Amino acid sequence: MTDLSYEQARAELATVVEKLESGGTTLEESLALWERGEQLATICQRWLDNARARLTADRS
């Protein structure tokens, strides 16, 4: 996985979702988009989890 910022990953994920929703792709292309979407969602979740952990640590 690349070192994307949260904003970059979220923007790319939105593009992936748009492409999947619009259709017109082959099954192979759709699977590749889905897999990339899963990677991007994981990146976003990791950013959010780290931010939550920092906020929790700051309150201690």
C-alpha atoms as a PDB file:
ATOM      1  CA  MET A   1       0.000   0.000   0.000  1.00  0.00           C
ATOM      2  CA  THR A   2       1.142   3.513  -0.664  1.00  0.00           C
ATOM      3  CA  ASP A   3       1.526   6.249   1.882  1.00  0.00           C
ATOM      4  CA  LEU A   4      -1.593   8.195   1.035  1.00  0.00           C
ATOM      5  CA  SER A   5      -3.013  10.909   3.232  1.00  0.00           C
ATOM      6  CA  TYR A   6      -6.534  10.400   4.520  1.00  0.00           C
ATOM      7  CA  GLU A   7      -7.811  12.993   2.059  1.00  0.00           C
ATOM      8  CA  GLN A   8      -6.076  11.341  -0.913  1.00  0.00           C
ATOM      9  CA  ALA A   9      -7.372   7.892   0.002  1.00  0.00           C
ATOM     10  CA  ARG A  10     -10.902   9.196   0.560  1.00  0.00           C
ATOM     11  CA  ALA A  11     -10.919  11.048  -2.771  1.00  0.00           C
ATOM     12  CA  GLU A  12      -9.675   8.003  -4.670  1.00  0.00           C
ATOM     13  CA  LEU A  13     -12.206   5.807  -2.877  1.00  0.00           C
ATOM     14  CA  ALA A  14     -15.004   8.156  -3.955  1.00  0.00           C
ATOM     15  CA  THR A  15     -13.788   7.847  -7.560  1.00  0.00           C
ATOM     16  CA  VAL A  16     -13.723   4.054  -7.307  1.00  0.00           C
ATOM     17  CA  VAL A  17     -17.281   4.014  -5.954  1.00  0.00           C
ATOM     18  CA  GLU A  18     -18.466   6.293  -8.777  1.00  0.00           C
ATOM     19  CA  LYS A  19     -16.916   3.995 -11.383  1.00  0.00           C
ATOM     20  CA  LEU A  20     -18.490   0.915  -9.814  1.00  0.00           C
ATOM     21  CA  GLU A  21     -21.897   2.572  -9.572  1.00  0.00           C
ATOM     22  CA  SER A  22     -21.843   3.807 -13.147  1.00  0.00           C
ATOM     23  CA  GLY A  23     -21.247   0.327 -14.505  1.00  0.00           C
ATOM     24  CA  GLY A  24     -19.938  -0.282 -17.974  1.00  0.00           C
ATOM     25  CA  THR A  25     -16.862  -2.144 -16.756  1.00  0.00           C
ATOM     26  CA  THR A  26     -15.952  -5.742 -17.299  1.00  0.00           C
ATOM     27  CA  LEU A  27     -16.116  -8.200 -14.449  1.00  0.00           C
ATOM     28  CA  GLU A  28     -12.324  -8.177 -14.264  1.00  0.00           C
ATOM     29  CA  GLU A  29     -12.219  -4.359 -14.096  1.00  0.00           C
ATOM     30  CA  SER A  30     -14.966  -4.335 -11.475  1.00  0.00           C
ATOM     31  CA  LEU A  31     -13.062  -6.826  -9.319  1.00  0.00           C
ATOM     32  CA  ALA A  32      -9.886  -4.745  -9.590  1.00  0.00           C
ATOM     33  CA  LEU A  33     -11.822  -1.613  -8.613  1.00  0.00           C
ATOM     34  CA  TRP A  34     -13.434  -3.445  -5.696  1.00  0.00           C
ATOM     35  CA  GLU A  35     -10.051  -4.644  -4.445  1.00  0.00           C
ATOM     36  CA  ARG A  36      -8.606  -1.139  -4.722  1.00  0.00           C
ATOM     37  CA  GLY A  37     -11.637   0.196  -2.861  1.00  0.00           C
ATOM     38  CA  GLU A  38     -11.018  -2.301  -0.058  1.00  0.00           C
ATOM     39  CA  GLN A  39      -7.378  -1.148   0.169  1.00  0.00           C
ATOM     40  CA  LEU A  40      -8.415   2.492   0.268  1.00  0.00           C
ATOM     41  CA  ALA A  41     -11.071   1.839   2.906  1.00  0.00           C
ATOM     42  CA  THR A  42      -8.422   0.128   5.037  1.00  0.00           C
ATOM     43  CA  ILE A  43      -6.107   3.127   4.663  1.00  0.00           C
ATOM     44  CA  CYS A  44      -8.906   5.506   5.691  1.00  0.00           C
ATOM     45  CA  GLN A  45      -9.850   3.342   8.657  1.00  0.00           C
ATOM     46  CA  ARG A  46      -6.223   3.200   9.798  1.00  0.00           C
ATOM     47  CA  TRP A  47      -6.009   7.010   9.698  1.00  0.00           C
ATOM     48  CA  LEU A  48      -9.241   7.314  11.694  1.00  0.00           C
ATOM     49  CA  ASP A  49      -8.155   4.700  14.245  1.00  0.00           C
ATOM     50  CA  ASN A  50      -4.827   6.474  14.757  1.00  0.00           C
ATOM     51  CA  ALA A  51      -6.561   9.826  15.184  1.00  0.00           C
ATOM     52  CA  ARG A  52      -8.970   8.305  17.719  1.00  0.00           C
ATOM     53  CA  ALA A  53      -6.063   6.772  19.636  1.00  0.00           C
ATOM     54  CA  ARG A  54      -4.260  10.120  19.771  1.00  0.00           C
ATOM     55  CA  LEU A  55      -7.392  11.866  21.026  1.00  0.00           C
ATOM     56  CA  THR A  56      -7.898   9.208  23.675  1.00  0.00           C
ATOM     57  CA  ALA A  57      -4.239   9.453  24.742  1.00  0.00           C
ATOM     58  CA  ASP A  58      -4.494  13.255  24.983  1.00  0.00           C
ATOM     59  CA  ARG A  59      -7.447  12.958  27.361  1.00  0.00           C
ATOM     60  CA  SER A  60      -5.509  10.698  29.747  1.00  0.00           C
END
